[in-house]
Amino acid sequence: MASPNKADLDVLRDLLEAEKVRPAVQRRYELSEIADALRHMGEGHAQGKLVVTV
């Protein structure tokens, strides 16, 4: 279980701002496609993060 602290979050922020770390986004879905996103994830096909745009 993660136990974030300020020092670790500061390092993570610096890495993200320097674009040295990028999240693995597999696919973006519109809010109207939420059923498709949940089905994709539930079937075990997701290999990265799924993003729902509101």
PDB file of N, CA and C in Angstrom:
ATOM      1  N   MET A   1       0.841  -1.161   0.000  1.00  0.00           N
ATOM      2  CA  MET A   1       0.000   0.000   0.000  1.00  0.00           C
ATOM      3  C   MET A   1       0.897   1.238   0.000  1.00  0.00           C
ATOM      4  N   ALA A   2       0.560   2.169  -0.842  1.00  0.00           N
ATOM      5  CA  ALA A   2       1.345   3.403  -0.951  1.00  0.00           C
ATOM      6  C   ALA A   2       1.142   4.277   0.286  1.00  0.00           C
ATOM      7  N   SER A   3       2.199   4.932   0.680  1.00  0.00           N
ATOM      8  CA  SER A   3       2.151   5.876   1.784  1.00  0.00           C
ATOM      9  C   SER A   3       2.855   7.156   1.326  1.00  0.00           C
ATOM     10  N   PRO A   4       2.168   7.978   0.507  1.00  0.00           N
ATOM     11  CA  PRO A   4       2.825   9.168  -0.054  1.00  0.00           C
ATOM     12  C   PRO A   4       3.218  10.169   1.032  1.00  0.00           C
ATOM     13  N   ASN A   5       4.321  10.836   0.768  1.00  0.00           N
ATOM     14  CA  ASN A   5       4.751  11.902   1.672  1.00  0.00           C
ATOM     15  C   ASN A   5       5.181  13.090   0.811  1.00  0.00           C
ATOM     16  N   LYS A   6       5.364  14.228   1.429  1.00  0.00           N
ATOM     17  CA  LYS A   6       5.646  15.452   0.688  1.00  0.00           C
ATOM     18  C   LYS A   6       6.926  15.345  -0.144  1.00  0.00           C
ATOM     19  N   ALA A   7       7.965  14.777   0.415  1.00  0.00           N
ATOM     20  CA  ALA A   7       9.241  14.677  -0.319  1.00  0.00           C
ATOM     21  C   ALA A   7       9.076  13.841  -1.590  1.00  0.00           C
ATOM     22  N   ASP A   8       8.409  12.705  -1.472  1.00  0.00           N
ATOM     23  CA  ASP A   8       8.200  11.846  -2.644  1.00  0.00           C
ATOM     24  C   ASP A   8       7.322  12.528  -3.683  1.00  0.00           C
ATOM     25  N   LEU A   9       6.270  13.202  -3.231  1.00  0.00           N
ATOM     26  CA  LEU A   9       5.383  13.897  -4.161  1.00  0.00           C
ATOM     27  C   LEU A   9       6.103  15.054  -4.855  1.00  0.00           C
ATOM     28  N   ASP A  10       7.006  15.719  -4.145  1.00  0.00           N
ATOM     29  CA  ASP A  10       7.794  16.790  -4.770  1.00  0.00           C
ATOM     30  C   ASP A  10       8.683  16.235  -5.885  1.00  0.00           C
ATOM     31  N   VAL A  11       9.303  15.081  -5.640  1.00  0.00           N
ATOM     32  CA  VAL A  11      10.156  14.449  -6.653  1.00  0.00           C
ATOM     33  C   VAL A  11       9.304  14.047  -7.858  1.00  0.00           C
ATOM     34  N   LEU A  12       8.151  13.450  -7.604  1.00  0.00           N
ATOM     35  CA  LEU A  12       7.261  13.046  -8.689  1.00  0.00           C
ATOM     36  C   LEU A  12       6.807  14.256  -9.501  1.00  0.00           C
ATOM     37  N   ARG A  13       6.444  15.338  -8.828  1.00  0.00           N
ATOM     38  CA  ARG A  13       6.046  16.565  -9.525  1.00  0.00           C
ATOM     39  C   ARG A  13       7.171  17.074 -10.418  1.00  0.00           C
ATOM     40  N   ASP A  14       8.391  17.096  -9.891  1.00  0.00           N
ATOM     41  CA  ASP A  14       9.534  17.560 -10.676  1.00  0.00           C
ATOM     42  C   ASP A  14       9.746  16.691 -11.915  1.00  0.00           C
ATOM     43  N   LEU A  15       9.627  15.377 -11.764  1.00  0.00           N
ATOM     44  CA  LEU A  15       9.789  14.472 -12.902  1.00  0.00           C
ATOM     45  C   LEU A  15       8.697  14.702 -13.956  1.00  0.00           C
ATOM     46  N   LEU A  16       7.466  14.874 -13.504  1.00  0.00           N
ATOM     47  CA  LEU A  16       6.361  15.129 -14.439  1.00  0.00           C
ATOM     48  C   LEU A  16       6.544  16.457 -15.160  1.00  0.00           C
ATOM     49  N   GLU A  17       6.919  17.487 -14.426  1.00  0.00           N
ATOM     50  CA  GLU A  17       7.119  18.803 -15.046  1.00  0.00           C
ATOM     51  C   GLU A  17       8.274  18.787 -16.043  1.00  0.00           C
ATOM     52  N   ALA A  18       9.292  17.979 -15.783  1.00  0.00           N
ATOM     53  CA  ALA A  18      10.437  17.880 -16.688  1.00  0.00           C
ATOM     54  C   ALA A  18      10.154  16.898 -17.836  1.00  0.00           C
ATOM     55  N   GLU A  19       8.952  16.335 -17.854  1.00  0.00           N
ATOM     56  CA  GLU A  19       8.519  15.364 -18.870  1.00  0.00           C
ATOM     57  C   GLU A  19       9.445  14.148 -18.941  1.00  0.00           C
ATOM     58  N   LYS A  20       9.970  13.755 -17.784  1.00  0.00           N
ATOM     59  CA  LYS A  20      10.800  12.561 -17.700  1.00  0.00           C
ATOM     60  C   LYS A  20       9.959  11.323 -17.384  1.00  0.00           C
ATOM     61  N   VAL A  21       8.738  11.559 -16.948  1.00  0.00           N
ATOM     62  CA  VAL A  21       7.800  10.486 -16.637  1.00  0.00           C
ATOM     63  C   VAL A  21       6.479  10.831 -17.304  1.00  0.00           C
ATOM     64  N   ARG A  22       5.901   9.845 -17.977  1.00  0.00           N
ATOM     65  CA  ARG A  22       4.600  10.059 -18.621  1.00  0.00           C
ATOM     66  C   ARG A  22       3.686   8.896 -18.274  1.00  0.00           C
ATOM     67  N   PRO A  23       2.438   9.180 -17.956  1.00  0.00           N
ATOM     68  CA  PRO A  23       1.510   8.089 -17.662  1.00  0.00           C
ATOM     69  C   PRO A  23       1.225   7.284 -18.930  1.00  0.00           C
ATOM     70  N   ALA A  24       0.988   6.000 -18.762  1.00  0.00           N
ATOM     71  CA  ALA A  24       0.682   5.124 -19.903  1.00  0.00           C
ATOM     72  C   ALA A  24      -0.819   5.152 -20.163  1.00  0.00           C
ATOM     73  N   VAL A  25      -1.239   6.037 -21.056  1.00  0.00           N
ATOM     74  CA  VAL A  25      -2.657   6.145 -21.408  1.00  0.00           C
ATOM     75  C   VAL A  25      -2.888   5.306 -22.653  1.00  0.00           C
ATOM     76  N   GLN A  26      -3.704   4.275 -22.501  1.00  0.00           N
ATOM     77  CA  GLN A  26      -3.980   3.403 -23.632  1.00  0.00           C
ATOM     78  C   GLN A  26      -5.022   4.008 -24.563  1.00  0.00           C
ATOM     79  N   ARG A  27      -6.079   4.567 -23.979  1.00  0.00           N
ATOM     80  CA  ARG A  27      -7.152   5.087 -24.812  1.00  0.00           C
ATOM     81  C   ARG A  27      -7.954   6.129 -24.056  1.00  0.00           C
ATOM     82  N   ARG A  28      -8.503   7.073 -24.809  1.00  0.00           N
ATOM     83  CA  ARG A  28      -9.384   8.092 -24.246  1.00  0.00           C
ATOM     84  C   ARG A  28     -10.804   7.819 -24.728  1.00  0.00           C
ATOM     85  N   TYR A  29     -11.746   7.986 -23.826  1.00  0.00           N
ATOM     86  CA  TYR A  29     -13.159   7.797 -24.133  1.00  0.00           C
ATOM     87  C   TYR A  29     -13.918   9.076 -23.805  1.00  0.00           C
ATOM     88  N   GLU A  30     -14.942   9.358 -24.567  1.00  0.00           N
ATOM     89  CA  GLU A  30     -15.865  10.432 -24.232  1.00  0.00           C
ATOM     90  C   GLU A  30     -16.803   9.908 -23.143  1.00  0.00           C
ATOM     91  N   LEU A  31     -17.417  10.798 -22.397  1.00  0.00           N
ATOM     92  CA  LEU A  31     -18.324  10.384 -21.334  1.00  0.00           C
ATOM     93  C   LEU A  31     -19.449   9.508 -21.893  1.00  0.00           C
ATOM     94  N   SER A  32     -19.875   9.795 -23.094  1.00  0.00           N
ATOM     95  CA  SER A  32     -20.951   9.007 -23.708  1.00  0.00           C
ATOM     96  C   SER A  32     -20.515   7.575 -24.031  1.00  0.00           C
ATOM     97  N   GLU A  33     -19.211   7.312 -23.989  1.00  0.00           N
ATOM     98  CA  GLU A  33     -18.667   5.983 -24.279  1.00  0.00           C
ATOM     99  C   GLU A  33     -18.261   5.227 -23.016  1.00  0.00           C
ATOM    100  N   ILE A  34     -18.749   5.667 -21.866  1.00  0.00           N
ATOM    101  CA  ILE A  34     -18.321   5.084 -20.598  1.00  0.00           C
ATOM    102  C   ILE A  34     -18.600   3.582 -20.527  1.00  0.00           C
ATOM    103  N   ALA A  35     -19.706   3.139 -21.114  1.00  0.00           N
ATOM    104  CA  ALA A  35     -20.022   1.705 -21.105  1.00  0.00           C
ATOM    105  C   ALA A  35     -18.947   0.921 -21.855  1.00  0.00           C
ATOM    106  N   ASP A  36     -18.478   1.449 -22.976  1.00  0.00           N
ATOM    107  CA  ASP A  36     -17.411   0.791 -23.737  1.00  0.00           C
ATOM    108  C   ASP A  36     -16.116   0.740 -22.927  1.00  0.00           C
ATOM    109  N   ALA A  37     -15.807   1.831 -22.230  1.00  0.00           N
ATOM    110  CA  ALA A  37     -14.590   1.886 -21.418  1.00  0.00           C
ATOM    111  C   ALA A  37     -14.641   0.852 -20.300  1.00  0.00           C
ATOM    112  N   LEU A  38     -15.773   0.764 -19.619  1.00  0.00           N
ATOM    113  CA  LEU A  38     -15.903  -0.198 -18.526  1.00  0.00           C
ATOM    114  C   LEU A  38     -15.867  -1.637 -19.040  1.00  0.00           C
ATOM    115  N   ARG A  39     -16.466  -1.867 -20.190  1.00  0.00           N
ATOM    116  CA  ARG A  39     -16.446  -3.202 -20.785  1.00  0.00           C
ATOM    117  C   ARG A  39     -14.997  -3.588 -21.150  1.00  0.00           C
ATOM    118  N   HIS A  40     -14.283  -2.659 -21.760  1.00  0.00           N
ATOM    119  CA  HIS A  40     -12.888  -2.896 -22.154  1.00  0.00           C
ATOM    120  C   HIS A  40     -12.046  -3.259 -20.929  1.00  0.00           C
ATOM    121  N   MET A  41     -12.227  -2.495 -19.863  1.00  0.00           N
ATOM    122  CA  MET A  41     -11.468  -2.733 -18.642  1.00  0.00           C
ATOM    123  C   MET A  41     -11.903  -4.052 -17.990  1.00  0.00           C
ATOM    124  N   GLY A  42     -13.199  -4.300 -17.933  1.00  0.00           N
ATOM    125  CA  GLY A  42     -13.717  -5.501 -17.290  1.00  0.00           C
ATOM    126  C   GLY A  42     -13.316  -6.782 -17.991  1.00  0.00           C
ATOM    127  N   GLU A  43     -13.092  -6.715 -19.289  1.00  0.00           N
ATOM    128  CA  GLU A  43     -12.679  -7.892 -20.045  1.00  0.00           C
ATOM    129  C   GLU A  43     -11.181  -8.152 -19.940  1.00  0.00           C
ATOM    130  N   GLY A  44     -10.471  -7.289 -19.217  1.00  0.00           N
ATOM    131  CA  GLY A  44      -9.041  -7.484 -19.007  1.00  0.00           C
ATOM    132  C   GLY A  44      -8.175  -7.027 -20.160  1.00  0.00           C
ATOM    133  N   HIS A  45      -8.719  -6.207 -21.056  1.00  0.00           N
ATOM    134  CA  HIS A  45      -7.958  -5.757 -22.213  1.00  0.00           C
ATOM    135  C   HIS A  45      -7.096  -4.527 -21.937  1.00  0.00           C
ATOM    136  N   ALA A  46      -7.382  -3.801 -20.874  1.00  0.00           N
ATOM    137  CA  ALA A  46      -6.664  -2.551 -20.586  1.00  0.00           C
ATOM    138  C   ALA A  46      -5.212  -2.846 -20.215  1.00  0.00           C
ATOM    139  N   GLN A  47      -4.283  -2.233 -20.948  1.00  0.00           N
ATOM    140  CA  GLN A  47      -2.861  -2.406 -20.650  1.00  0.00           C
ATOM    141  C   GLN A  47      -2.229  -1.096 -20.203  1.00  0.00           C
ATOM    142  N   GLY A  48      -3.018  -0.060 -20.181  1.00  0.00           N
ATOM    143  CA  GLY A  48      -2.596   1.248 -19.703  1.00  0.00           C
ATOM    144  C   GLY A  48      -3.815   1.894 -19.064  1.00  0.00           C
ATOM    145  N   LYS A  49      -3.706   3.143 -18.756  1.00  0.00           N
ATOM    146  CA  LYS A  49      -4.830   3.848 -18.156  1.00  0.00           C
ATOM    147  C   LYS A  49      -5.863   4.180 -19.210  1.00  0.00           C
ATOM    148  N   LEU A  50      -7.115   4.147 -18.806  1.00  0.00           N
ATOM    149  CA  LEU A  50      -8.214   4.577 -19.662  1.00  0.00           C
ATOM    150  C   LEU A  50      -8.673   5.928 -19.126  1.00  0.00           C
ATOM    151  N   VAL A  51      -8.810   6.897 -20.010  1.00  0.00           N
ATOM    152  CA  VAL A  51      -9.177   8.246 -19.618  1.00  0.00           C
ATOM    153  C   VAL A  51     -10.563   8.542 -20.153  1.00  0.00           C
ATOM    154  N   VAL A  52     -11.437   9.057 -19.276  1.00  0.00           N
ATOM    155  CA  VAL A  52     -12.778   9.457 -19.679  1.00  0.00           C
ATOM    156  C   VAL A  52     -12.830  10.976 -19.665  1.00  0.00           C
ATOM    157  N   THR A  53     -13.140  11.543 -20.833  1.00  0.00           N
ATOM    158  CA  THR A  53     -13.220  13.002 -20.958  1.00  0.00           C
ATOM    159  C   THR A  53     -14.638  13.456 -20.631  1.00  0.00           C
ATOM    160  N   VAL A  54     -14.743  14.391 -19.692  1.00  0.00           N
ATOM    161  CA  VAL A  54     -16.050  14.908 -19.293  1.00  0.00           C
ATOM    162  C   VAL A  54     -16.315  16.209 -19.968  1.00  0.00           C
TER     163      VAL A  54
END
